[in-house]
Amino acid sequence: MTQLRHRIILHAYVTEKSMDEMERQNKLEFVVDHRATRAEIRRAIEDLYHCRVAKVNTKIVRMGKIATIKFRPEYSAEDIGTRAGVF
């Protein structure tokens, strides 16, 4: 299962907009495998970063599939972003 989680979540997606969402809305963006479902993405994030996810939104862009993860209020997106290598 560990290998599967690392194949679903490829890396953090960092832009000015994503940094603003992290500070204001407690969200992070990740580039994910294009075959991954929202439920698989949620499980992978919760297992990798030991947190709880409130909502998962996905979008298809030219470079692949991007998942926007909104965390529950008791978890800080900035702390999780630090563990994910955003900073």
C-alpha atoms as a PDB file:
ATOM      1  CA  MET A   1       0.000   0.000   0.000  1.00  0.00           C
ATOM      2  CA  THR A   2       2.890   2.393   0.691  1.00  0.00           C
ATOM      3  CA  GLN A   3       4.114   2.179  -2.886  1.00  0.00           C
ATOM      4  CA  LEU A   4       0.591   2.784  -4.166  1.00  0.00           C
ATOM      5  CA  ARG A   5       0.262   5.997  -2.130  1.00  0.00           C
ATOM      6  CA  HIS A   6       3.518   7.306  -3.564  1.00  0.00           C
ATOM      7  CA  ARG A   7       2.325   6.525  -7.082  1.00  0.00           C
ATOM      8  CA  ILE A   8      -0.964   8.393  -6.565  1.00  0.00           C
ATOM      9  CA  ILE A   9       0.533  11.604  -5.125  1.00  0.00           C
ATOM     10  CA  LEU A  10       3.338  12.675  -7.454  1.00  0.00           C
ATOM     11  CA  HIS A  11       4.369  16.058  -5.968  1.00  0.00           C
ATOM     12  CA  ALA A  12       3.064  19.328  -4.575  1.00  0.00           C
ATOM     13  CA  TYR A  13       1.877  21.923  -7.092  1.00  0.00           C
ATOM     14  CA  VAL A  14       3.059  25.387  -6.030  1.00  0.00           C
ATOM     15  CA  THR A  15       1.836  28.614  -7.623  1.00  0.00           C
ATOM     16  CA  GLU A  16       0.959  32.033  -6.237  1.00  0.00           C
ATOM     17  CA  LYS A  17      -2.693  31.057  -6.230  1.00  0.00           C
ATOM     18  CA  SER A  18      -2.026  27.798  -4.386  1.00  0.00           C
ATOM     19  CA  MET A  19       0.077  29.634  -1.772  1.00  0.00           C
ATOM     20  CA  ASP A  20      -2.775  32.118  -1.246  1.00  0.00           C
ATOM     21  CA  GLU A  21      -5.279  29.252  -0.879  1.00  0.00           C
ATOM     22  CA  MET A  22      -2.976  27.590   1.636  1.00  0.00           C
ATOM     23  CA  GLU A  23      -2.940  30.690   3.843  1.00  0.00           C
ATOM     24  CA  ARG A  24      -6.562  31.782   3.493  1.00  0.00           C
ATOM     25  CA  GLN A  25      -8.573  28.601   2.862  1.00  0.00           C
ATOM     26  CA  ASN A  26      -6.438  25.806   4.390  1.00  0.00           C
ATOM     27  CA  LYS A  27      -5.908  24.103   0.982  1.00  0.00           C
ATOM     28  CA  LEU A  28      -2.988  22.483  -0.830  1.00  0.00           C
ATOM     29  CA  GLU A  29      -2.618  21.357  -4.440  1.00  0.00           C
ATOM     30  CA  PHE A  30      -0.883  18.193  -5.624  1.00  0.00           C
ATOM     31  CA  VAL A  31      -0.138  16.722  -9.041  1.00  0.00           C
ATOM     32  CA  VAL A  32      -1.642  13.236  -8.955  1.00  0.00           C
ATOM     33  CA  ASP A  33      -1.824  10.180 -11.185  1.00  0.00           C
ATOM     34  CA  HIS A  34      -4.437  10.793 -13.892  1.00  0.00           C
ATOM     35  CA  ARG A  35      -6.134   7.446 -13.093  1.00  0.00           C
ATOM     36  CA  ALA A  36      -6.607   8.175  -9.367  1.00  0.00           C
ATOM     37  CA  THR A  37     -10.126   8.732  -8.028  1.00  0.00           C
ATOM     38  CA  ARG A  38     -11.056  11.288  -5.377  1.00  0.00           C
ATOM     39  CA  ALA A  39     -11.439   8.552  -2.756  1.00  0.00           C
ATOM     40  CA  GLU A  40      -7.978   7.135  -3.536  1.00  0.00           C
ATOM     41  CA  ILE A  41      -6.451  10.618  -3.369  1.00  0.00           C
ATOM     42  CA  ARG A  42      -8.149  11.271  -0.006  1.00  0.00           C
ATOM     43  CA  ARG A  43      -6.852   7.986   1.462  1.00  0.00           C
ATOM     44  CA  ALA A  44      -3.331   8.599   0.147  1.00  0.00           C
ATOM     45  CA  ILE A  45      -3.147  12.132   1.612  1.00  0.00           C
ATOM     46  CA  GLU A  46      -4.568  11.028   4.967  1.00  0.00           C
ATOM     47  CA  ASP A  47      -2.128   8.098   5.195  1.00  0.00           C
ATOM     48  CA  LEU A  48       0.963  10.000   4.022  1.00  0.00           C
ATOM     49  CA  TYR A  49       0.516  13.132   6.137  1.00  0.00           C
ATOM     50  CA  HIS A  50      -1.532  11.746   9.087  1.00  0.00           C
ATOM     51  CA  CYS A  51      -4.334  14.289   8.766  1.00  0.00           C
ATOM     52  CA  ARG A  52      -8.037  14.456   7.917  1.00  0.00           C
ATOM     53  CA  VAL A  53      -9.280  15.772   4.564  1.00  0.00           C
ATOM     54  CA  ALA A  54     -12.493  17.772   4.349  1.00  0.00           C
ATOM     55  CA  LYS A  55     -12.826  17.877   0.550  1.00  0.00           C
ATOM     56  CA  VAL A  56     -11.036  16.835  -2.649  1.00  0.00           C
ATOM     57  CA  ASN A  57     -11.474  18.661  -5.958  1.00  0.00           C
ATOM     58  CA  THR A  58      -9.711  17.582  -9.143  1.00  0.00           C
ATOM     59  CA  LYS A  59      -9.041  19.236 -12.471  1.00  0.00           C
ATOM     60  CA  ILE A  60      -7.402  18.082 -15.662  1.00  0.00           C
ATOM     61  CA  VAL A  61      -4.815  20.454 -17.096  1.00  0.00           C
ATOM     62  CA  ARG A  62      -2.240  20.162 -19.853  1.00  0.00           C
ATOM     63  CA  MET A  63       0.438  18.820 -17.490  1.00  0.00           C
ATOM     64  CA  GLY A  64      -1.860  16.191 -15.917  1.00  0.00           C
ATOM     65  CA  LYS A  65      -4.345  15.939 -13.083  1.00  0.00           C
ATOM     66  CA  ILE A  66      -4.239  18.362 -10.158  1.00  0.00           C
ATOM     67  CA  ALA A  67      -6.019  17.702  -6.863  1.00  0.00           C
ATOM     68  CA  THR A  68      -6.964  20.557  -4.548  1.00  0.00           C
ATOM     69  CA  ILE A  69      -7.177  19.258  -0.989  1.00  0.00           C
ATOM     70  CA  LYS A  70      -9.088  21.158   1.701  1.00  0.00           C
ATOM     71  CA  PHE A  71      -8.084  20.068   5.188  1.00  0.00           C
ATOM     72  CA  ARG A  72     -10.268  20.024   8.278  1.00  0.00           C
ATOM     73  CA  PRO A  73      -9.872  23.101  10.529  1.00  0.00           C
ATOM     74  CA  GLU A  74      -7.876  21.234  13.174  1.00  0.00           C
ATOM     75  CA  TYR A  75      -5.070  20.566  10.629  1.00  0.00           C
ATOM     76  CA  SER A  76      -2.913  23.349   9.209  1.00  0.00           C
ATOM     77  CA  ALA A  77      -2.193  23.306   5.478  1.00  0.00           C
ATOM     78  CA  GLU A  78       1.047  25.186   6.186  1.00  0.00           C
ATOM     79  CA  ASP A  79       2.302  22.406   8.495  1.00  0.00           C
ATOM     80  CA  ILE A  80       1.324  19.725   5.983  1.00  0.00           C
ATOM     81  CA  GLY A  81       2.878  21.772   3.170  1.00  0.00           C
ATOM     82  CA  THR A  82       6.143  21.873   5.077  1.00  0.00           C
ATOM     83  CA  ARG A  83       6.103  18.069   5.349  1.00  0.00           C
ATOM     84  CA  ALA A  84       5.194  17.808   1.651  1.00  0.00           C
ATOM     85  CA  GLY A  85       8.179  19.934   0.622  1.00  0.00           C
ATOM     86  CA  VAL A  86       6.339  23.075  -0.473  1.00  0.00           C
ATOM     87  CA  PHE A  87       8.762  25.377   1.393  1.00  0.00           C
END
